[in-house]
Every structure is written in C-alpha cells, then in structure tokens.
Amino acid sequence: MVFEDIAIGQSAEFTKTVTEADIMGFADISGDRNPVHLDEAYAQSTPFKGRIAHGMLSAAFISTVFGMHLPGPGCIYVAQSLKFKAPVRIGDAVTARCEVIGLAPEKRLATFRTTCKVAGRTVIDGEATLMVPGRA
C-alpha cells in the first residue's frame, strides 16, 4: 500500500497465541532473561503470581501489522509510544490492532493508534508514526 491509498479510520489486525517457544526465542534474541519470564518458581513470588511474556514480544505484533498488512512492506517506523497495561501469559491470544488517526502528506507520515488485546482486555496501548512510500 502506498501513502496515497491510506485513509483515516483504516485499520488492520494480527492475532498470535503466545507459546513457550516464543518466550524462549525472544529471550534468546533480545538477551532479556529476566526470571519473571523464564522461571516459574521465581515468577510465583512476584505480583504476577506466574510467568509473563516480555512486553516487547507482544509489542512486536504491532510491527507485524505494519510490515505485513497496513501499510505493509516498505513502510518505516519513525516513532512508537507504549503503555503496558496488563500481563500476557503463555497461551494468551494477543490481537494487535492499528488504526490510522492522522496523515501528513507533505512528509508521507501516517499516525496510528496501536493496541494489543487479550480476550478483549487492553494489554498495550500506544501510538505510532510511520513513513510510508508514495507513488513514484
């Protein structure tokens, strides 16, 4: 999709169920080996009372929406704000949703409201700005 095809109100979603392998893989790639993500005994002693997924793992699903769906290949992240509102656990189906809320044609920038939800509950809320290629 090119900038000229984007309109305020357009949205797209991506849903992924978080697995043990996802958490282990994210820990390996990111280097974030916080025991709240990896060690059930430790995580039981935290306010979460069990292991939780890395917040940035769920936030990465927002990137999937942008890179693969809306606007799709060729877009470039410029900015992203995130508020982590609730934990995500192994087995949770996370739905990332991105909705166009602003357009700056002179710079080909699109602003999006970004959310991740589990069973209808918001776990991440934020806003992103992307540079979107235009027509040649």
Protein backbone atom coordinates (compact mmCIF):
# COMPACT_ATOMS: atom_id res chain seq x y z
CA MET A 1 0.00 0.00 0.00
CA VAL A 2 1.28 3.49 -0.83
CA PHE A 3 0.66 6.66 1.17
CA GLU A 4 -1.98 7.89 -1.26
CA ASP A 5 -4.08 4.75 -0.58
CA ILE A 6 -4.24 5.30 3.19
CA ALA A 7 -7.24 6.97 4.83
CA ILE A 8 -8.05 7.96 8.38
CA GLY A 9 -10.07 5.20 10.04
CA GLN A 10 -8.47 2.32 8.15
CA SER A 11 -7.32 -0.48 10.43
CA ALA A 12 -5.77 -3.92 10.39
CA GLU A 13 -5.18 -6.67 12.96
CA PHE A 14 -2.89 -9.61 13.61
CA THR A 15 -3.50 -12.30 16.23
CA LYS A 16 -0.90 -14.66 17.66
CA THR A 17 -1.12 -17.09 20.56
CA VAL A 18 1.99 -16.74 22.74
CA THR A 19 3.85 -20.01 23.27
CA GLU A 20 6.67 -21.20 25.49
CA ALA A 21 8.87 -21.30 22.37
CA ASP A 22 8.02 -17.65 21.60
CA ILE A 23 9.11 -16.55 25.07
CA MET A 24 12.31 -18.61 24.99
CA GLY A 25 13.13 -17.40 21.48
CA PHE A 26 12.52 -13.77 22.42
CA ALA A 27 14.74 -14.18 25.49
CA ASP A 28 17.50 -15.63 23.29
CA ILE A 29 17.22 -12.95 20.61
CA SER A 30 16.80 -9.97 22.93
CA GLY A 31 19.07 -11.10 25.74
CA ASP A 32 16.29 -10.29 28.24
CA ARG A 33 16.46 -13.30 30.54
CA ASN A 34 14.53 -11.72 33.43
CA PRO A 35 13.35 -14.66 35.56
CA VAL A 36 9.78 -13.32 35.62
CA HIS A 37 9.65 -14.55 32.00
CA LEU A 38 11.61 -17.80 32.36
CA ASP A 39 11.48 -19.16 35.92
CA GLU A 40 8.05 -20.23 37.22
CA ALA A 41 9.22 -20.55 40.86
CA TYR A 42 10.64 -17.03 40.80
CA ALA A 43 7.60 -15.63 38.94
CA GLN A 44 5.26 -17.14 41.56
CA SER A 45 6.90 -14.80 44.13
CA THR A 46 6.08 -11.68 42.08
CA PRO A 47 2.82 -9.71 41.97
CA PHE A 48 2.05 -11.58 38.72
CA LYS A 49 1.93 -14.96 40.52
CA GLY A 50 3.38 -16.72 37.49
CA ARG A 51 5.42 -16.26 34.34
CA ILE A 52 4.57 -13.47 31.95
CA ALA A 53 5.65 -12.80 28.38
CA HIS A 54 8.05 -9.99 27.61
CA GLY A 55 6.09 -6.80 26.98
CA MET A 56 8.13 -6.14 23.87
CA LEU A 57 7.21 -9.57 22.49
CA SER A 58 3.56 -8.53 22.41
CA ALA A 59 4.53 -5.08 21.09
CA ALA A 60 6.33 -6.81 18.22
CA PHE A 61 2.94 -7.96 16.93
CA ILE A 62 2.19 -4.28 16.20
CA SER A 63 5.22 -4.32 13.92
CA THR A 64 3.73 -7.35 12.16
CA VAL A 65 0.58 -5.38 11.36
CA PHE A 66 2.63 -2.52 9.94
CA GLY A 67 5.14 -4.54 7.98
CA MET A 68 2.75 -7.11 6.56
CA HIS A 69 -0.76 -5.61 6.45
CA LEU A 70 -1.24 -1.85 6.92
CA PRO A 71 0.52 -0.12 5.29
CA GLY A 72 2.61 -3.21 4.50
CA PRO A 73 6.06 -3.80 3.03
CA GLY A 74 8.18 -0.72 2.55
CA CYS A 75 6.91 1.32 5.49
CA ILE A 76 9.42 2.56 8.07
CA TYR A 77 8.84 3.04 11.79
CA VAL A 78 9.58 6.60 12.92
CA ALA A 79 8.17 6.54 16.47
CA GLN A 80 6.20 4.35 18.88
CA SER A 81 4.85 5.05 22.36
CA LEU A 82 3.66 2.14 24.51
CA LYS A 83 1.79 1.78 27.78
CA PHE A 84 1.84 -1.73 29.23
CA LYS A 85 -1.49 -2.19 31.00
CA ALA A 86 -1.72 -5.90 31.84
CA PRO A 87 0.44 -9.02 31.60
CA VAL A 88 0.39 -11.55 28.77
CA ARG A 89 0.85 -15.21 29.64
CA ILE A 90 1.70 -18.38 27.76
CA GLY A 91 -1.42 -19.46 25.88
CA ASP A 92 -2.89 -15.97 25.56
CA ALA A 93 -4.05 -14.96 22.07
CA VAL A 94 -2.80 -11.41 21.55
CA THR A 95 -4.56 -9.29 18.93
CA ALA A 96 -2.58 -6.28 17.73
CA ARG A 97 -4.71 -3.60 16.07
CA CYS A 98 -3.50 -0.49 14.28
CA GLU A 99 -5.83 2.30 13.15
CA VAL A 100 -4.91 5.35 11.07
CA ILE A 101 -5.58 8.50 13.11
CA GLY A 102 -3.55 11.11 11.24
CA LEU A 103 -1.87 11.82 7.92
CA ALA A 104 0.87 14.32 6.99
CA PRO A 105 1.02 14.23 3.17
CA GLU A 106 3.92 16.68 2.89
CA LYS A 107 6.18 14.17 4.68
CA ARG A 108 4.26 10.97 3.84
CA LEU A 109 3.83 10.25 7.54
CA ALA A 110 0.92 8.29 8.94
CA THR A 111 0.00 8.21 12.63
CA PHE A 112 -1.71 5.16 14.13
CA ARG A 113 -3.40 4.23 17.38
CA THR A 114 -1.86 0.92 18.38
CA THR A 115 -3.37 -1.59 20.80
CA CYS A 116 -2.84 -5.17 21.85
CA LYS A 117 -5.70 -7.03 23.49
CA VAL A 118 -6.17 -10.41 25.15
CA ALA A 119 -9.77 -11.61 25.40
CA GLY A 120 -10.99 -8.06 24.84
CA ARG A 121 -8.79 -6.57 27.58
CA THR A 122 -6.20 -3.97 26.53
CA VAL A 123 -2.71 -5.12 27.47
CA ILE A 124 -0.81 -2.49 25.45
CA ASP A 125 -1.95 0.94 24.31
CA GLY A 126 0.09 3.35 22.23
CA GLU A 127 0.64 5.48 19.19
CA ALA A 128 2.99 5.09 16.25
CA THR A 129 4.22 7.18 13.35
CA LEU A 130 5.36 5.58 10.10
CA MET A 131 6.93 6.86 6.91
CA VAL A 132 5.01 5.36 4.01
CA PRO A 133 6.29 5.22 0.42
CA GLY A 134 4.25 7.20 -2.09
CA ARG A 135 3.51 6.66 -5.74
CA ALA A 136 6.55 7.05 -7.96
